[in-house]
Amino acid sequence: MRWAQDVANGVILGSTIGLGAIGLTLTYSILRFVNFTHGDLIAWGAYLALGLLALGRAAGLWGPGLGPLGPFSFGWPLVLVLPLGMAATSALALGLDRVLFRTLRQRAGELTLVIASFGASLALRNLLVFLYGPQPDYFTREIQIARAVLPGVRVTADQLALLGLTAGLVLALHLLLTRTTLGRAMRATSENPALVRVTGIDPEAVARWTWVIGGALAAVAGVFVGLTVQIRPLMGADLLLPLFAAAILGGIGSVYGALLGGLVVGLAEALAVPLVGAEYRAAVAFVVLLGVLLIRPSGLFGERDDGA
């Protein structure tokens, strides 16, 4: 039953990748450029939450009674700082847009935006290395014991919390996009940006909310990585290719496709480990990506271009 455990590991990994890929695909579908900084926003989200935890500890806010919650490795301090970390990462994303991307959207083309995002990504990554050093860090050093939940499947309480929170966030985003005025404005901007001004929609307001939502989801994904593995300043670079693979596989612009693409990439990587070793698992994921795109170039949930 080793395959069952590998499937479970793939679903857990894919949930994190899919959550990060949602922010990436939102940025592309609404702002129309490939955002290389998104992986580094995930890393910054994790470190901002870690810094807020340390700040609260230094201020004496986390007393000895605020230990781990039940079977989890984390306690109320992380639960309390997670929304603050999401807000801080959204503010960082908005700052990048205000200083760099908004000006370039008005004055330059898509290629210039892509190159600018690549340069901003390098700057963010190296700033993290400068501030925290290259060594890994952890939100908690509590030992987690995996428990059997199904025959042949053992997971930790933290991993179950990750799956539950991912499902909740995706449901919340679905309701936002389908039931609110902001969501309808975002979908209209994604489908036909040239006509949104005629209907009274402010594209810059939609862009700001896109950065806010993408930054918040990036922060949650970063905290998930820190809880289930570890956080490192360079983890954004390691996650960037799987994020792009998930977004492309699901169909650029599709929120649900990004999540499904993340699950496919996670499963492909996890199932490949016993076959080819951990060092080649990313290559297997891209083989799966190429195979799907050869059959359906628009991705799983992308719109077909029948006139091509």
C-alpha atoms as a PDB file:
ATOM      1  CA  MET A   1       0.000   0.000   0.000  1.00  0.00           C
ATOM      2  CA  ARG A   2       2.983   2.294  -0.475  1.00  0.00           C
ATOM      3  CA  TRP A   3       1.189   3.924  -3.390  1.00  0.00           C
ATOM      4  CA  ALA A   4      -1.621   5.063  -1.083  1.00  0.00           C
ATOM      5  CA  GLN A   5       0.850   6.973   1.102  1.00  0.00           C
ATOM      6  CA  ASP A   6       2.461   8.473  -1.995  1.00  0.00           C
ATOM      7  CA  VAL A   7      -0.955   9.643  -3.213  1.00  0.00           C
ATOM      8  CA  ALA A   8      -1.651  11.241   0.159  1.00  0.00           C
ATOM      9  CA  ASN A   9       1.736  12.990   0.093  1.00  0.00           C
ATOM     10  CA  GLY A  10       1.008  14.201  -3.428  1.00  0.00           C
ATOM     11  CA  VAL A  11      -2.382  15.639  -2.459  1.00  0.00           C
ATOM     12  CA  ILE A  12      -0.819  17.507   0.469  1.00  0.00           C
ATOM     13  CA  LEU A  13       1.996  18.893  -1.683  1.00  0.00           C
ATOM     14  CA  GLY A  14      -0.416  19.685  -4.504  1.00  0.00           C
ATOM     15  CA  SER A  15      -2.691  21.658  -2.184  1.00  0.00           C
ATOM     16  CA  THR A  16       0.143  24.033  -1.346  1.00  0.00           C
ATOM     17  CA  ILE A  17       1.220  24.338  -4.985  1.00  0.00           C
ATOM     18  CA  GLY A  18      -2.364  24.870  -6.124  1.00  0.00           C
ATOM     19  CA  LEU A  19      -3.016  27.566  -3.539  1.00  0.00           C
ATOM     20  CA  GLY A  20       0.070  29.449  -4.691  1.00  0.00           C
ATOM     21  CA  ALA A  21      -0.808  28.931  -8.354  1.00  0.00           C
ATOM     22  CA  ILE A  22      -4.237  30.543  -7.843  1.00  0.00           C
ATOM     23  CA  GLY A  23      -2.599  33.879  -7.069  1.00  0.00           C
ATOM     24  CA  LEU A  24      -0.297  33.478 -10.065  1.00  0.00           C
ATOM     25  CA  THR A  25      -3.134  32.750 -12.476  1.00  0.00           C
ATOM     26  CA  LEU A  26      -5.228  35.650 -11.114  1.00  0.00           C
ATOM     27  CA  THR A  27      -2.358  38.043 -11.783  1.00  0.00           C
ATOM     28  CA  TYR A  28      -1.956  36.801 -15.330  1.00  0.00           C
ATOM     29  CA  SER A  29      -5.635  36.704 -16.259  1.00  0.00           C
ATOM     30  CA  ILE A  30      -6.435  40.172 -14.886  1.00  0.00           C
ATOM     31  CA  LEU A  31      -3.169  42.118 -15.212  1.00  0.00           C
ATOM     32  CA  ARG A  32      -1.960  40.318 -18.342  1.00  0.00           C
ATOM     33  CA  PHE A  33       1.650  39.611 -17.419  1.00  0.00           C
ATOM     34  CA  VAL A  34       3.678  36.723 -16.059  1.00  0.00           C
ATOM     35  CA  ASN A  35       4.574  37.594 -12.477  1.00  0.00           C
ATOM     36  CA  PHE A  36       7.906  36.076 -11.445  1.00  0.00           C
ATOM     37  CA  THR A  37       7.688  37.670  -7.996  1.00  0.00           C
ATOM     38  CA  HIS A  38       4.875  35.393  -6.860  1.00  0.00           C
ATOM     39  CA  GLY A  39       7.170  32.637  -5.602  1.00  0.00           C
ATOM     40  CA  ASP A  40       9.096  35.195  -3.575  1.00  0.00           C
ATOM     41  CA  LEU A  41       5.854  36.609  -2.162  1.00  0.00           C
ATOM     42  CA  ILE A  42       5.233  33.102  -0.796  1.00  0.00           C
ATOM     43  CA  ALA A  43       8.647  33.157   0.886  1.00  0.00           C
ATOM     44  CA  TRP A  44       8.093  36.682   2.199  1.00  0.00           C
ATOM     45  CA  GLY A  45       4.679  35.687   3.545  1.00  0.00           C
ATOM     46  CA  ALA A  46       6.263  32.882   5.546  1.00  0.00           C
ATOM     47  CA  TYR A  47       9.030  35.103   6.926  1.00  0.00           C
ATOM     48  CA  LEU A  48       6.665  37.966   7.729  1.00  0.00           C
ATOM     49  CA  ALA A  49       4.516  35.569   9.783  1.00  0.00           C
ATOM     50  CA  LEU A  50       7.661  34.205  11.441  1.00  0.00           C
ATOM     51  CA  GLY A  51       8.812  37.743  12.237  1.00  0.00           C
ATOM     52  CA  LEU A  52       5.442  38.625  13.752  1.00  0.00           C
ATOM     53  CA  LEU A  53       5.652  35.520  15.937  1.00  0.00           C
ATOM     54  CA  ALA A  54       9.111  36.543  17.131  1.00  0.00           C
ATOM     55  CA  LEU A  55       7.927  40.117  17.725  1.00  0.00           C
ATOM     56  CA  GLY A  56       5.014  38.927  19.832  1.00  0.00           C
ATOM     57  CA  ARG A  57       7.300  36.626  21.791  1.00  0.00           C
ATOM     58  CA  ALA A  58       9.733  39.462  22.477  1.00  0.00           C
ATOM     59  CA  ALA A  59       6.862  41.682  23.633  1.00  0.00           C
ATOM     60  CA  GLY A  60       5.672  38.983  26.024  1.00  0.00           C
ATOM     61  CA  LEU A  61       2.356  38.450  24.233  1.00  0.00           C
ATOM     62  CA  TRP A  62       2.735  34.690  24.001  1.00  0.00           C
ATOM     63  CA  GLY A  63       2.601  33.334  27.519  1.00  0.00           C
ATOM     64  CA  PRO A  64       3.448  29.757  28.588  1.00  0.00           C
ATOM     65  CA  GLY A  65      -0.229  28.827  28.379  1.00  0.00           C
ATOM     66  CA  LEU A  66      -0.298  29.366  24.615  1.00  0.00           C
ATOM     67  CA  GLY A  67       1.289  26.068  23.641  1.00  0.00           C
ATOM     68  CA  PRO A  68       0.312  23.746  20.801  1.00  0.00           C
ATOM     69  CA  LEU A  69      -3.388  23.385  20.087  1.00  0.00           C
ATOM     70  CA  GLY A  70      -4.403  19.780  20.718  1.00  0.00           C
ATOM     71  CA  PRO A  71      -2.709  17.476  18.206  1.00  0.00           C
ATOM     72  CA  PHE A  72      -1.247  20.344  16.143  1.00  0.00           C
ATOM     73  CA  SER A  73       2.356  21.510  16.311  1.00  0.00           C
ATOM     74  CA  PHE A  74       1.273  25.159  16.416  1.00  0.00           C
ATOM     75  CA  GLY A  75      -0.738  27.186  18.892  1.00  0.00           C
ATOM     76  CA  TRP A  76      -2.850  30.312  19.085  1.00  0.00           C
ATOM     77  CA  PRO A  77       0.100  32.631  18.328  1.00  0.00           C
ATOM     78  CA  LEU A  78       0.386  31.340  14.760  1.00  0.00           C
ATOM     79  CA  VAL A  79      -3.400  31.398  14.324  1.00  0.00           C
ATOM     80  CA  LEU A  80      -3.414  35.041  15.428  1.00  0.00           C
ATOM     81  CA  VAL A  81      -0.476  36.203  13.300  1.00  0.00           C
ATOM     82  CA  LEU A  82      -1.565  34.419  10.121  1.00  0.00           C
ATOM     83  CA  PRO A  83      -4.137  37.110   9.161  1.00  0.00           C
ATOM     84  CA  LEU A  84      -1.543  39.782   9.979  1.00  0.00           C
ATOM     85  CA  GLY A  85       0.995  37.995   7.784  1.00  0.00           C
ATOM     86  CA  MET A  86      -1.558  37.834   4.982  1.00  0.00           C
ATOM     87  CA  ALA A  87      -2.209  41.581   5.323  1.00  0.00           C
ATOM     88  CA  ALA A  88       1.517  42.365   5.400  1.00  0.00           C
ATOM     89  CA  THR A  89       2.189  40.272   2.283  1.00  0.00           C
ATOM     90  CA  SER A  90      -0.720  41.941   0.500  1.00  0.00           C
ATOM     91  CA  ALA A  91       0.754  45.318   1.455  1.00  0.00           C
ATOM     92  CA  LEU A  92       4.116  44.229   0.027  1.00  0.00           C
ATOM     93  CA  ALA A  93       2.436  43.148  -3.213  1.00  0.00           C
ATOM     94  CA  LEU A  94       0.550  46.449  -3.403  1.00  0.00           C
ATOM     95  CA  GLY A  95       3.799  48.329  -2.795  1.00  0.00           C
ATOM     96  CA  LEU A  96       5.472  46.495  -5.676  1.00  0.00           C
ATOM     97  CA  ASP A  97       2.560  47.379  -7.917  1.00  0.00           C
ATOM     98  CA  ARG A  98       2.554  51.031  -6.839  1.00  0.00           C
ATOM     99  CA  VAL A  99       6.300  51.521  -7.225  1.00  0.00           C
ATOM    100  CA  LEU A 100       6.977  49.366 -10.265  1.00  0.00           C
ATOM    101  CA  PHE A 101       4.241  47.523 -12.090  1.00  0.00           C
ATOM    102  CA  ARG A 102       1.510  50.168 -12.303  1.00  0.00           C
ATOM    103  CA  THR A 103       3.867  52.653 -13.932  1.00  0.00           C
ATOM    104  CA  LEU A 104       5.072  50.054 -16.408  1.00  0.00           C
ATOM    105  CA  ARG A 105       1.509  48.942 -17.237  1.00  0.00           C
ATOM    106  CA  GLN A 106       0.796  52.499 -18.335  1.00  0.00           C
ATOM    107  CA  ARG A 107       4.027  53.149 -20.211  1.00  0.00           C
ATOM    108  CA  ALA A 108       5.504  49.840 -21.376  1.00  0.00           C
ATOM    109  CA  GLY A 109       4.553  46.549 -22.955  1.00  0.00           C
ATOM    110  CA  GLU A 110       4.066  43.067 -21.553  1.00  0.00           C
ATOM    111  CA  LEU A 111       7.665  41.996 -22.171  1.00  0.00           C
ATOM    112  CA  THR A 112       8.968  44.904 -20.116  1.00  0.00           C
ATOM    113  CA  LEU A 113       6.646  43.916 -17.256  1.00  0.00           C
ATOM    114  CA  VAL A 114       7.919  40.339 -17.354  1.00  0.00           C
ATOM    115  CA  ILE A 115      11.563  41.451 -17.235  1.00  0.00           C
ATOM    116  CA  ALA A 116      10.773  43.902 -14.429  1.00  0.00           C
ATOM    117  CA  SER A 117       9.052  41.163 -12.417  1.00  0.00           C
ATOM    118  CA  PHE A 118      12.081  38.905 -12.891  1.00  0.00           C
ATOM    119  CA  GLY A 119      14.370  41.635 -11.583  1.00  0.00           C
ATOM    120  CA  ALA A 120      12.054  42.364  -8.658  1.00  0.00           C
ATOM    121  CA  SER A 121      12.029  38.646  -7.870  1.00  0.00           C
ATOM    122  CA  LEU A 122      15.817  38.558  -7.634  1.00  0.00           C
ATOM    123  CA  ALA A 123      15.795  41.650  -5.415  1.00  0.00           C
ATOM    124  CA  LEU A 124      13.181  40.215  -3.024  1.00  0.00           C
ATOM    125  CA  ARG A 125      14.994  36.881  -2.840  1.00  0.00           C
ATOM    126  CA  ASN A 126      18.388  38.347  -2.071  1.00  0.00           C
ATOM    127  CA  LEU A 127      16.914  40.755   0.465  1.00  0.00           C
ATOM    128  CA  LEU A 128      15.555  37.753   2.379  1.00  0.00           C
ATOM    129  CA  VAL A 129      18.987  36.120   2.302  1.00  0.00           C
ATOM    130  CA  PHE A 130      20.519  39.361   3.591  1.00  0.00           C
ATOM    131  CA  LEU A 131      17.990  39.695   6.420  1.00  0.00           C
ATOM    132  CA  TYR A 132      17.722  36.070   7.549  1.00  0.00           C
ATOM    133  CA  GLY A 133      20.746  34.293   6.127  1.00  0.00           C
ATOM    134  CA  PRO A 134      20.628  31.166   3.930  1.00  0.00           C
ATOM    135  CA  GLN A 135      19.857  28.701   6.748  1.00  0.00           C
ATOM    136  CA  PRO A 136      16.368  27.156   7.051  1.00  0.00           C
ATOM    137  CA  ASP A 137      13.963  28.068   9.831  1.00  0.00           C
ATOM    138  CA  TYR A 138      10.791  26.633  11.360  1.00  0.00           C
ATOM    139  CA  PHE A 139       7.555  27.887  12.844  1.00  0.00           C
ATOM    140  CA  THR A 140       7.703  25.209  15.501  1.00  0.00           C
ATOM    141  CA  ARG A 141      10.062  22.446  16.524  1.00  0.00           C
ATOM    142  CA  GLU A 142       7.328  20.336  18.100  1.00  0.00           C
ATOM    143  CA  ILE A 143       7.514  16.722  16.939  1.00  0.00           C
ATOM    144  CA  GLN A 144       4.545  15.665  14.835  1.00  0.00           C
ATOM    145  CA  ILE A 145       3.509  11.997  14.863  1.00  0.00           C
ATOM    146  CA  ALA A 146       1.707  10.768  11.764  1.00  0.00           C
ATOM    147  CA  ARG A 147      -1.441   8.812  12.496  1.00  0.00           C
ATOM    148  CA  ALA A 148      -3.308   6.339  10.330  1.00  0.00           C
ATOM    149  CA  VAL A 149      -6.415   7.860   8.742  1.00  0.00           C
ATOM    150  CA  LEU A 150      -6.955   5.250   6.017  1.00  0.00           C
ATOM    151  CA  PRO A 151      -5.429   1.825   5.319  1.00  0.00           C
ATOM    152  CA  GLY A 152      -1.844   2.490   4.316  1.00  0.00           C
ATOM    153  CA  VAL A 153      -2.137   6.272   4.793  1.00  0.00           C
ATOM    154  CA  ARG A 154      -0.567   8.156   7.683  1.00  0.00           C
ATOM    155  CA  VAL A 155      -0.726  11.937   7.971  1.00  0.00           C
ATOM    156  CA  THR A 156      -0.079  14.496  10.672  1.00  0.00           C
ATOM    157  CA  ALA A 157      -2.655  16.813  12.204  1.00  0.00           C
ATOM    158  CA  ASP A 158      -0.884  19.775  10.599  1.00  0.00           C
ATOM    159  CA  GLN A 159      -1.320  18.220   7.157  1.00  0.00           C
ATOM    160  CA  LEU A 160      -5.028  17.670   7.757  1.00  0.00           C
ATOM    161  CA  ALA A 161      -5.330  21.306   8.850  1.00  0.00           C
ATOM    162  CA  LEU A 162      -3.584  22.329   5.626  1.00  0.00           C
ATOM    163  CA  LEU A 163      -6.102  20.412   3.518  1.00  0.00           C
ATOM    164  CA  GLY A 164      -9.056  21.816   5.435  1.00  0.00           C
ATOM    165  CA  LEU A 165      -7.888  25.416   5.245  1.00  0.00           C
ATOM    166  CA  THR A 166      -7.104  25.072   1.528  1.00  0.00           C
ATOM    167  CA  ALA A 167     -10.638  23.819   0.875  1.00  0.00           C
ATOM    168  CA  GLY A 168     -12.076  26.682   2.931  1.00  0.00           C
ATOM    169  CA  LEU A 169     -10.032  29.331   1.128  1.00  0.00           C
ATOM    170  CA  VAL A 170     -10.940  27.979  -2.307  1.00  0.00           C
ATOM    171  CA  LEU A 171     -14.629  27.972  -1.345  1.00  0.00           C
ATOM    172  CA  ALA A 172     -14.346  31.554  -0.048  1.00  0.00           C
ATOM    173  CA  LEU A 173     -12.636  32.643  -3.276  1.00  0.00           C
ATOM    174  CA  HIS A 174     -15.325  30.904  -5.327  1.00  0.00           C
ATOM    175  CA  LEU A 175     -18.041  32.792  -3.449  1.00  0.00           C
ATOM    176  CA  LEU A 176     -16.122  36.058  -3.862  1.00  0.00           C
ATOM    177  CA  LEU A 177     -15.791  35.609  -7.625  1.00  0.00           C
ATOM    178  CA  THR A 178     -19.373  34.483  -8.202  1.00  0.00           C
ATOM    179  CA  ARG A 179     -21.480  36.283  -5.593  1.00  0.00           C
ATOM    180  CA  THR A 180     -19.929  39.733  -5.096  1.00  0.00           C
ATOM    181  CA  THR A 181     -19.640  42.905  -7.147  1.00  0.00           C
ATOM    182  CA  LEU A 182     -15.860  42.804  -6.832  1.00  0.00           C
ATOM    183  CA  GLY A 183     -15.766  39.220  -8.099  1.00  0.00           C
ATOM    184  CA  ARG A 184     -17.910  40.056 -11.099  1.00  0.00           C
ATOM    185  CA  ALA A 185     -15.677  43.034 -11.850  1.00  0.00           C
ATOM    186  CA  MET A 186     -12.598  40.811 -11.663  1.00  0.00           C
ATOM    187  CA  ARG A 187     -14.134  38.254 -14.020  1.00  0.00           C
ATOM    188  CA  ALA A 188     -15.214  40.977 -16.438  1.00  0.00           C
ATOM    189  CA  THR A 189     -11.706  42.462 -16.450  1.00  0.00           C
ATOM    190  CA  SER A 190     -10.251  39.028 -17.082  1.00  0.00           C
ATOM    191  CA  GLU A 191     -12.599  38.268 -19.972  1.00  0.00           C
ATOM    192  CA  ASN A 192     -12.600  41.643 -21.757  1.00  0.00           C
ATOM    193  CA  PRO A 193     -10.317  44.311 -20.276  1.00  0.00           C
ATOM    194  CA  ALA A 194     -10.931  46.683 -23.188  1.00  0.00           C
ATOM    195  CA  LEU A 195     -14.623  47.101 -22.361  1.00  0.00           C
ATOM    196  CA  VAL A 196     -14.604  47.302 -18.562  1.00  0.00           C
ATOM    197  CA  ARG A 197     -14.293  51.095 -18.502  1.00  0.00           C
ATOM    198  CA  VAL A 198     -17.469  51.409 -20.573  1.00  0.00           C
ATOM    199  CA  THR A 199     -19.403  49.581 -17.844  1.00  0.00           C
ATOM    200  CA  GLY A 200     -18.014  51.849 -15.111  1.00  0.00           C
ATOM    201  CA  ILE A 201     -15.477  49.384 -13.677  1.00  0.00           C
ATOM    202  CA  ASP A 202     -12.220  50.921 -12.453  1.00  0.00           C
ATOM    203  CA  PRO A 203      -9.410  48.662 -13.755  1.00  0.00           C
ATOM    204  CA  GLU A 204      -6.906  50.044 -11.257  1.00  0.00           C
ATOM    205  CA  ALA A 205      -9.190  49.187  -8.335  1.00  0.00           C
ATOM    206  CA  VAL A 206      -9.542  45.662  -9.709  1.00  0.00           C
ATOM    207  CA  ALA A 207      -5.757  45.466 -10.077  1.00  0.00           C
ATOM    208  CA  ARG A 208      -5.267  46.509  -6.451  1.00  0.00           C
ATOM    209  CA  TRP A 209      -7.661  43.860  -5.199  1.00  0.00           C
ATOM    210  CA  THR A 210      -5.939  41.276  -7.393  1.00  0.00           C
ATOM    211  CA  TRP A 211      -2.643  42.029  -5.661  1.00  0.00           C
ATOM    212  CA  VAL A 212      -4.325  41.913  -2.237  1.00  0.00           C
ATOM    213  CA  ILE A 213      -5.892  38.514  -2.856  1.00  0.00           C
ATOM    214  CA  GLY A 214      -2.784  37.086  -4.522  1.00  0.00           C
ATOM    215  CA  GLY A 215      -0.551  38.306  -1.691  1.00  0.00           C
ATOM    216  CA  ALA A 216      -2.860  36.884   0.984  1.00  0.00           C
ATOM    217  CA  LEU A 217      -2.964  33.461  -0.683  1.00  0.00           C
ATOM    218  CA  ALA A 218       0.819  33.549  -1.111  1.00  0.00           C
ATOM    219  CA  ALA A 219       1.240  34.161   2.627  1.00  0.00           C
ATOM    220  CA  VAL A 220      -0.969  31.186   3.502  1.00  0.00           C
ATOM    221  CA  ALA A 221       0.948  28.966   1.080  1.00  0.00           C
ATOM    222  CA  GLY A 222       4.240  30.087   2.649  1.00  0.00           C
ATOM    223  CA  VAL A 223       3.018  29.293   6.162  1.00  0.00           C
ATOM    224  CA  PHE A 224       1.836  25.878   4.935  1.00  0.00           C
ATOM    225  CA  VAL A 225       5.306  25.134   3.578  1.00  0.00           C
ATOM    226  CA  GLY A 226       6.839  26.235   6.868  1.00  0.00           C
ATOM    227  CA  LEU A 227       4.523  24.012   8.896  1.00  0.00           C
ATOM    228  CA  THR A 228       4.885  20.880   6.788  1.00  0.00           C
ATOM    229  CA  VAL A 229       8.533  21.206   5.729  1.00  0.00           C
ATOM    230  CA  GLN A 230      10.639  24.286   6.503  1.00  0.00           C
ATOM    231  CA  ILE A 231      11.125  27.825   5.266  1.00  0.00           C
ATOM    232  CA  ARG A 232      14.197  29.109   3.457  1.00  0.00           C
ATOM    233  CA  PRO A 233      14.918  32.421   1.715  1.00  0.00           C
ATOM    234  CA  LEU A 234      15.286  30.578  -1.594  1.00  0.00           C
ATOM    235  CA  MET A 235      12.123  28.531  -1.312  1.00  0.00           C
ATOM    236  CA  GLY A 236      10.315  30.936  -3.639  1.00  0.00           C
ATOM    237  CA  ALA A 237      12.720  30.056  -6.432  1.00  0.00           C
ATOM    238  CA  ASP A 238      12.176  26.336  -5.784  1.00  0.00           C
ATOM    239  CA  LEU A 239       8.397  26.751  -5.902  1.00  0.00           C
ATOM    240  CA  LEU A 240       8.256  28.984  -8.969  1.00  0.00           C
ATOM    241  CA  LEU A 241       8.467  26.254 -11.638  1.00  0.00           C
ATOM    242  CA  PRO A 242       5.846  24.001  -9.986  1.00  0.00           C
ATOM    243  CA  LEU A 243       3.592  27.061  -9.626  1.00  0.00           C
ATOM    244  CA  PHE A 244       3.889  27.884 -13.322  1.00  0.00           C
ATOM    245  CA  ALA A 245       3.396  24.218 -14.219  1.00  0.00           C
ATOM    246  CA  ALA A 246       0.190  24.083 -12.152  1.00  0.00           C
ATOM    247  CA  ALA A 247      -1.166  27.337 -13.620  1.00  0.00           C
ATOM    248  CA  ILE A 248      -0.414  26.280 -17.208  1.00  0.00           C
ATOM    249  CA  LEU A 249      -1.667  22.740 -16.691  1.00  0.00           C
ATOM    250  CA  GLY A 250      -4.966  23.931 -15.255  1.00  0.00           C
ATOM    251  CA  GLY A 251      -5.412  26.571 -17.931  1.00  0.00           C
ATOM    252  CA  ILE A 252      -4.118  30.108 -17.508  1.00  0.00           C
ATOM    253  CA  GLY A 253      -6.818  32.263 -15.946  1.00  0.00           C
ATOM    254  CA  SER A 254      -8.765  29.433 -14.316  1.00  0.00           C
ATOM    255  CA  VAL A 255      -8.800  29.479 -10.493  1.00  0.00           C
ATOM    256  CA  TYR A 256     -10.176  25.957 -10.298  1.00  0.00           C
ATOM    257  CA  GLY A 257      -7.781  24.777 -12.976  1.00  0.00           C
ATOM    258  CA  ALA A 258      -4.834  26.153 -10.976  1.00  0.00           C
ATOM    259  CA  LEU A 259      -5.880  24.120  -7.936  1.00  0.00           C
ATOM    260  CA  LEU A 260      -6.395  20.984 -10.002  1.00  0.00           C
ATOM    261  CA  GLY A 261      -3.103  21.595 -11.801  1.00  0.00           C
ATOM    262  CA  GLY A 262      -1.378  21.893  -8.422  1.00  0.00           C
ATOM    263  CA  LEU A 263      -2.829  18.547  -7.354  1.00  0.00           C
ATOM    264  CA  VAL A 264      -1.681  16.907 -10.613  1.00  0.00           C
ATOM    265  CA  VAL A 265       1.842  18.322 -10.229  1.00  0.00           C
ATOM    266  CA  GLY A 266       1.980  17.275  -6.564  1.00  0.00           C
ATOM    267  CA  LEU A 267       0.787  13.758  -7.330  1.00  0.00           C
ATOM    268  CA  ALA A 268       3.221  13.398 -10.227  1.00  0.00           C
ATOM    269  CA  GLU A 269       6.148  14.469  -8.029  1.00  0.00           C
ATOM    270  CA  ALA A 270       5.159  12.243  -5.104  1.00  0.00           C
ATOM    271  CA  LEU A 271       4.503   9.156  -7.208  1.00  0.00           C
ATOM    272  CA  ALA A 272       7.773   9.662  -9.095  1.00  0.00           C
ATOM    273  CA  VAL A 273       9.962   9.564  -5.971  1.00  0.00           C
ATOM    274  CA  PRO A 274       9.999   5.727  -5.565  1.00  0.00           C
ATOM    275  CA  LEU A 275      10.539   5.315  -9.312  1.00  0.00           C
ATOM    276  CA  VAL A 276      13.235   7.838 -10.228  1.00  0.00           C
ATOM    277  CA  GLY A 277      14.350   9.335  -6.899  1.00  0.00           C
ATOM    278  CA  ALA A 278      13.618  12.672  -5.271  1.00  0.00           C
ATOM    279  CA  GLU A 279      16.164  14.567  -7.383  1.00  0.00           C
ATOM    280  CA  TYR A 280      14.222  13.891 -10.611  1.00  0.00           C
ATOM    281  CA  ARG A 281      10.654  14.304  -9.380  1.00  0.00           C
ATOM    282  CA  ALA A 282      10.281  17.824 -10.805  1.00  0.00           C
ATOM    283  CA  ALA A 283      11.249  16.528 -14.249  1.00  0.00           C
ATOM    284  CA  VAL A 284       8.483  13.909 -14.086  1.00  0.00           C
ATOM    285  CA  ALA A 285       5.948  16.600 -13.247  1.00  0.00           C
ATOM    286  CA  PHE A 286       6.961  18.526 -16.357  1.00  0.00           C
ATOM    287  CA  VAL A 287       6.704  15.403 -18.488  1.00  0.00           C
ATOM    288  CA  VAL A 288       3.107  15.101 -17.304  1.00  0.00           C
ATOM    289  CA  LEU A 289       2.596  18.790 -18.083  1.00  0.00           C
ATOM    290  CA  LEU A 290       3.902  18.377 -21.623  1.00  0.00           C
ATOM    291  CA  GLY A 291       1.768  15.282 -22.157  1.00  0.00           C
ATOM    292  CA  VAL A 292      -1.421  17.084 -21.133  1.00  0.00           C
ATOM    293  CA  LEU A 293      -0.601  20.159 -23.221  1.00  0.00           C
ATOM    294  CA  LEU A 294       0.034  18.014 -26.313  1.00  0.00           C
ATOM    295  CA  ILE A 295      -3.526  16.711 -25.963  1.00  0.00           C
ATOM    296  CA  ARG A 296      -5.105  19.982 -24.804  1.00  0.00           C
ATOM    297  CA  PRO A 297      -2.831  23.008 -25.410  1.00  0.00           C
ATOM    298  CA  SER A 298      -5.168  25.359 -23.514  1.00  0.00           C
ATOM    299  CA  GLY A 299      -4.836  23.333 -20.309  1.00  0.00           C
ATOM    300  CA  LEU A 300      -7.449  21.345 -18.441  1.00  0.00           C
ATOM    301  CA  PHE A 301      -9.818  24.268 -17.811  1.00  0.00           C
ATOM    302  CA  GLY A 302      -8.611  26.730 -20.429  1.00  0.00           C
ATOM    303  CA  GLU A 303     -10.784  27.805 -23.322  1.00  0.00           C
ATOM    304  CA  ARG A 304     -10.110  26.035 -26.586  1.00  0.00           C
ATOM    305  CA  ASP A 305      -9.068  28.185 -29.522  1.00  0.00           C
ATOM    306  CA  ASP A 306     -11.001  26.403 -32.248  1.00  0.00           C
ATOM    307  CA  GLY A 307      -9.840  28.821 -34.876  1.00  0.00           C
ATOM    308  CA  ALA A 308      -6.185  27.970 -34.370  1.00  0.00           C
END
